Amino acid sequence: MFRGFPGGSRGNLFQKLEGVFVFGITEERMTEIGMNFGITGFILFMLFIIWELAQKSNVGKRGTAVMFMVLGTGMVGFVAKFLIKFMLKV
């Protein structure tokens, strides 16, 4: 039978886990790595989808460029944030 969490409450259990390292990496660093690689992979996948859509719709070179500019605009913020952090070494 379940008798509860060690230490009496759920909060105490998670307070004890704050300094734990997983594979020698802190939670903050693991989240940063996951966000950078995960979102970068997602952006590359979206670029592939835009390219495939342009190829299947036979829009030509100018139409393909317009599709990349319009549909790819949302990715500019993430790329700009990455470049600013890289240039400022933050």
Protein backbone atom coordinates (compact mmCIF):
# COMPACT_ATOMS: atom_id res chain seq x y z
CA MET A 1 0.00 0.00 0.00
CA PHE A 2 1.22 3.51 -0.83
CA ARG A 3 2.04 5.45 2.34
CA GLY A 4 3.10 8.75 0.83
CA PHE A 5 6.35 10.34 -0.13
CA PRO A 6 9.49 10.15 2.00
CA GLY A 7 9.72 13.11 4.28
CA GLY A 8 5.98 13.48 4.62
CA SER A 9 5.06 15.60 1.63
CA ARG A 10 5.62 15.83 -2.06
CA GLY A 11 7.36 19.20 -1.75
CA ASN A 12 10.08 17.79 0.48
CA LEU A 13 10.89 15.08 -2.07
CA PHE A 14 11.39 17.57 -4.89
CA GLN A 15 13.38 19.94 -2.68
CA LYS A 16 15.85 17.11 -2.07
CA LEU A 17 16.28 16.59 -5.84
CA GLU A 18 17.29 20.17 -6.68
CA GLY A 19 21.04 19.54 -6.83
CA VAL A 20 20.85 16.20 -8.63
CA PHE A 21 22.86 15.73 -11.79
CA VAL A 22 21.77 13.43 -14.61
CA PHE A 23 24.73 12.09 -16.58
CA GLY A 24 26.83 14.84 -14.98
CA ILE A 25 24.61 17.62 -16.38
CA THR A 26 22.36 19.93 -14.39
CA GLU A 27 18.68 20.25 -15.24
CA GLU A 28 19.19 23.79 -16.53
CA ARG A 29 21.95 22.73 -18.93
CA MET A 30 19.97 19.70 -20.12
CA THR A 31 16.98 21.92 -20.87
CA GLU A 32 19.17 24.37 -22.77
CA ILE A 33 20.69 21.58 -24.88
CA GLY A 34 17.28 20.08 -25.56
CA MET A 35 15.79 23.40 -26.59
CA ASN A 36 18.67 24.24 -28.93
CA PHE A 37 18.81 20.85 -30.66
CA GLY A 38 15.08 20.20 -30.53
CA ILE A 39 14.00 23.53 -31.96
CA THR A 40 16.81 23.49 -34.51
CA GLY A 41 15.67 20.07 -35.69
CA PHE A 42 12.09 21.29 -35.83
CA ILE A 43 13.12 24.32 -37.91
CA LEU A 44 15.03 22.11 -40.35
CA PHE A 45 11.99 19.86 -40.65
CA MET A 46 9.75 22.87 -41.34
CA LEU A 47 12.17 24.09 -44.04
CA PHE A 48 11.98 20.65 -45.64
CA ILE A 49 8.18 20.80 -45.56
CA ILE A 50 8.19 24.27 -47.21
CA TRP A 51 10.60 23.04 -49.90
CA GLU A 52 8.51 19.94 -50.57
CA LEU A 53 5.32 22.03 -50.74
CA ALA A 54 6.97 24.39 -53.23
CA GLN A 55 8.14 21.47 -55.39
CA LYS A 56 4.74 19.76 -55.45
CA SER A 57 2.85 22.96 -56.25
CA ASN A 58 5.12 23.90 -59.21
CA VAL A 59 5.43 27.56 -58.23
CA GLY A 60 8.81 28.18 -59.85
CA LYS A 61 11.87 29.90 -58.41
CA ARG A 62 10.17 33.18 -57.47
CA GLY A 63 7.22 31.37 -55.89
CA THR A 64 9.57 29.14 -53.91
CA ALA A 65 11.44 32.20 -52.63
CA VAL A 66 8.16 33.85 -51.62
CA MET A 67 7.03 30.69 -49.84
CA PHE A 68 10.28 30.51 -47.88
CA MET A 69 10.08 34.21 -46.96
CA VAL A 70 6.44 34.09 -45.88
CA LEU A 71 6.33 30.68 -44.20
CA GLY A 72 9.83 30.95 -42.78
CA THR A 73 9.30 34.32 -41.10
CA GLY A 74 8.33 32.68 -37.81
CA MET A 75 11.75 31.09 -37.49
CA VAL A 76 13.60 34.40 -37.65
CA GLY A 77 13.08 35.13 -33.95
CA PHE A 78 14.68 31.89 -32.79
CA VAL A 79 17.62 32.24 -35.16
CA ALA A 80 18.11 35.89 -34.14
CA LYS A 81 18.08 34.95 -30.45
CA PHE A 82 20.69 32.26 -31.07
CA LEU A 83 22.92 34.66 -33.03
CA ILE A 84 22.63 37.42 -30.42
CA LYS A 85 23.54 35.00 -27.63
CA PHE A 86 26.47 33.68 -29.68
CA MET A 87 27.81 37.15 -30.52
CA LEU A 88 27.45 38.46 -26.97
CA LYS A 89 28.73 35.17 -25.50
CA VAL A 90 25.94 35.07 -22.94
